[in-house]
Amino acid sequence: MRKSQLIRLLVGIACGAVLGALMGYLGKCSSGTCPLTATPWRGAIYGAVMGALFGFSFGPRDRK
């Protein structure tokens, strides 16, 4: 994995985790049936996974 790919992936994971944690903090679900917004920790985990998938979806940018 190249350095640019790794940076892009880590940025995607970090952004997803922060956004997921914010959604979990601000949009609490009282019944617990909404996995993304049930708790800030669970929102951060789901957000990080989605950020990783988003980062991987771009593929390698610089090809030789």
C-alpha atoms as a PDB file:
ATOM      1  CA  MET A   1       0.000   0.000   0.000  1.00  0.00           C
ATOM      2  CA  ARG A   2       1.409   3.349  -0.976  1.00  0.00           C
ATOM      3  CA  LYS A   3       1.710   6.265   1.381  1.00  0.00           C
ATOM      4  CA  SER A   4      -0.970   8.298  -0.414  1.00  0.00           C
ATOM      5  CA  GLN A   5      -3.424   5.401  -0.222  1.00  0.00           C
ATOM      6  CA  LEU A   6      -2.734   4.925   3.468  1.00  0.00           C
ATOM      7  CA  ILE A   7      -3.232   8.614   4.215  1.00  0.00           C
ATOM      8  CA  ARG A   8      -6.484   8.665   2.226  1.00  0.00           C
ATOM      9  CA  LEU A   9      -7.700   5.593   4.100  1.00  0.00           C
ATOM     10  CA  LEU A  10      -6.794   6.994   7.528  1.00  0.00           C
ATOM     11  CA  VAL A  11      -8.474  10.311   6.749  1.00  0.00           C
ATOM     12  CA  GLY A  12     -11.619   8.469   5.657  1.00  0.00           C
ATOM     13  CA  ILE A  13     -11.636   6.387   8.836  1.00  0.00           C
ATOM     14  CA  ALA A  14     -11.066   9.427  11.049  1.00  0.00           C
ATOM     15  CA  CYS A  15     -13.776  11.505   9.356  1.00  0.00           C
ATOM     16  CA  GLY A  16     -16.240   8.617   9.492  1.00  0.00           C
ATOM     17  CA  ALA A  17     -15.528   7.970  13.168  1.00  0.00           C
ATOM     18  CA  VAL A  18     -15.979  11.618  14.107  1.00  0.00           C
ATOM     19  CA  LEU A  19     -19.199  11.987  12.132  1.00  0.00           C
ATOM     20  CA  GLY A  20     -20.559   8.707  13.488  1.00  0.00           C
ATOM     21  CA  ALA A  21     -19.739   9.706  17.061  1.00  0.00           C
ATOM     22  CA  LEU A  22     -21.467  13.048  16.565  1.00  0.00           C
ATOM     23  CA  MET A  23     -24.524  11.327  15.170  1.00  0.00           C
ATOM     24  CA  GLY A  24     -24.515   8.932  18.120  1.00  0.00           C
ATOM     25  CA  TYR A  25     -24.162  11.784  20.594  1.00  0.00           C
ATOM     26  CA  LEU A  26     -26.740  14.121  19.090  1.00  0.00           C
ATOM     27  CA  GLY A  27     -29.268  11.589  17.788  1.00  0.00           C
ATOM     28  CA  LYS A  28     -29.722   9.214  20.694  1.00  0.00           C
ATOM     29  CA  CYS A  29     -32.135   6.392  20.031  1.00  0.00           C
ATOM     30  CA  SER A  30     -34.131   5.492  23.138  1.00  0.00           C
ATOM     31  CA  SER A  31     -35.139   1.998  21.990  1.00  0.00           C
ATOM     32  CA  GLY A  32     -31.656   0.909  20.885  1.00  0.00           C
ATOM     33  CA  THR A  33     -32.931  -0.303  17.518  1.00  0.00           C
ATOM     34  CA  CYS A  34     -30.963   2.264  15.529  1.00  0.00           C
ATOM     35  CA  PRO A  35     -27.421   0.879  15.517  1.00  0.00           C
ATOM     36  CA  LEU A  36     -25.799   4.003  14.158  1.00  0.00           C
ATOM     37  CA  THR A  37     -27.205   6.436  16.674  1.00  0.00           C
ATOM     38  CA  ALA A  38     -27.643   4.217  19.746  1.00  0.00           C
ATOM     39  CA  THR A  39     -24.414   5.367  21.456  1.00  0.00           C
ATOM     40  CA  PRO A  40     -21.500   7.599  20.453  1.00  0.00           C
ATOM     41  CA  TRP A  41     -19.078   4.639  20.595  1.00  0.00           C
ATOM     42  CA  ARG A  42     -21.215   2.502  18.308  1.00  0.00           C
ATOM     43  CA  GLY A  43     -21.689   5.445  15.962  1.00  0.00           C
ATOM     44  CA  ALA A  44     -17.923   5.952  15.848  1.00  0.00           C
ATOM     45  CA  ILE A  45     -17.340   2.282  15.008  1.00  0.00           C
ATOM     46  CA  TYR A  46     -19.943   2.262  12.238  1.00  0.00           C
ATOM     47  CA  GLY A  47     -18.649   5.580  10.938  1.00  0.00           C
ATOM     48  CA  ALA A  48     -15.068   4.289  10.865  1.00  0.00           C
ATOM     49  CA  VAL A  49     -16.128   1.195   8.921  1.00  0.00           C
ATOM     50  CA  MET A  50     -18.061   3.315   6.443  1.00  0.00           C
ATOM     51  CA  GLY A  51     -15.097   5.693   6.139  1.00  0.00           C
ATOM     52  CA  ALA A  52     -12.783   2.746   5.445  1.00  0.00           C
ATOM     53  CA  LEU A  53     -15.122   1.424   2.767  1.00  0.00           C
ATOM     54  CA  PHE A  54     -15.327   4.884   1.252  1.00  0.00           C
ATOM     55  CA  GLY A  55     -11.535   5.208   1.310  1.00  0.00           C
ATOM     56  CA  PHE A  56     -11.058   1.794  -0.308  1.00  0.00           C
ATOM     57  CA  SER A  57     -13.638   2.539  -2.999  1.00  0.00           C
ATOM     58  CA  PHE A  58     -11.371   5.059  -4.693  1.00  0.00           C
ATOM     59  CA  GLY A  59      -8.635   2.537  -5.398  1.00  0.00           C
ATOM     60  CA  PRO A  60      -5.057   3.414  -6.265  1.00  0.00           C
ATOM     61  CA  ARG A  61      -4.644   6.895  -7.658  1.00  0.00           C
ATOM     62  CA  ASP A  62      -1.103   6.792  -9.026  1.00  0.00           C
ATOM     63  CA  ARG A  63      -0.425   3.911 -11.383  1.00  0.00           C
ATOM     64  CA  LYS A  64       2.832   3.322 -13.162  1.00  0.00           C
END
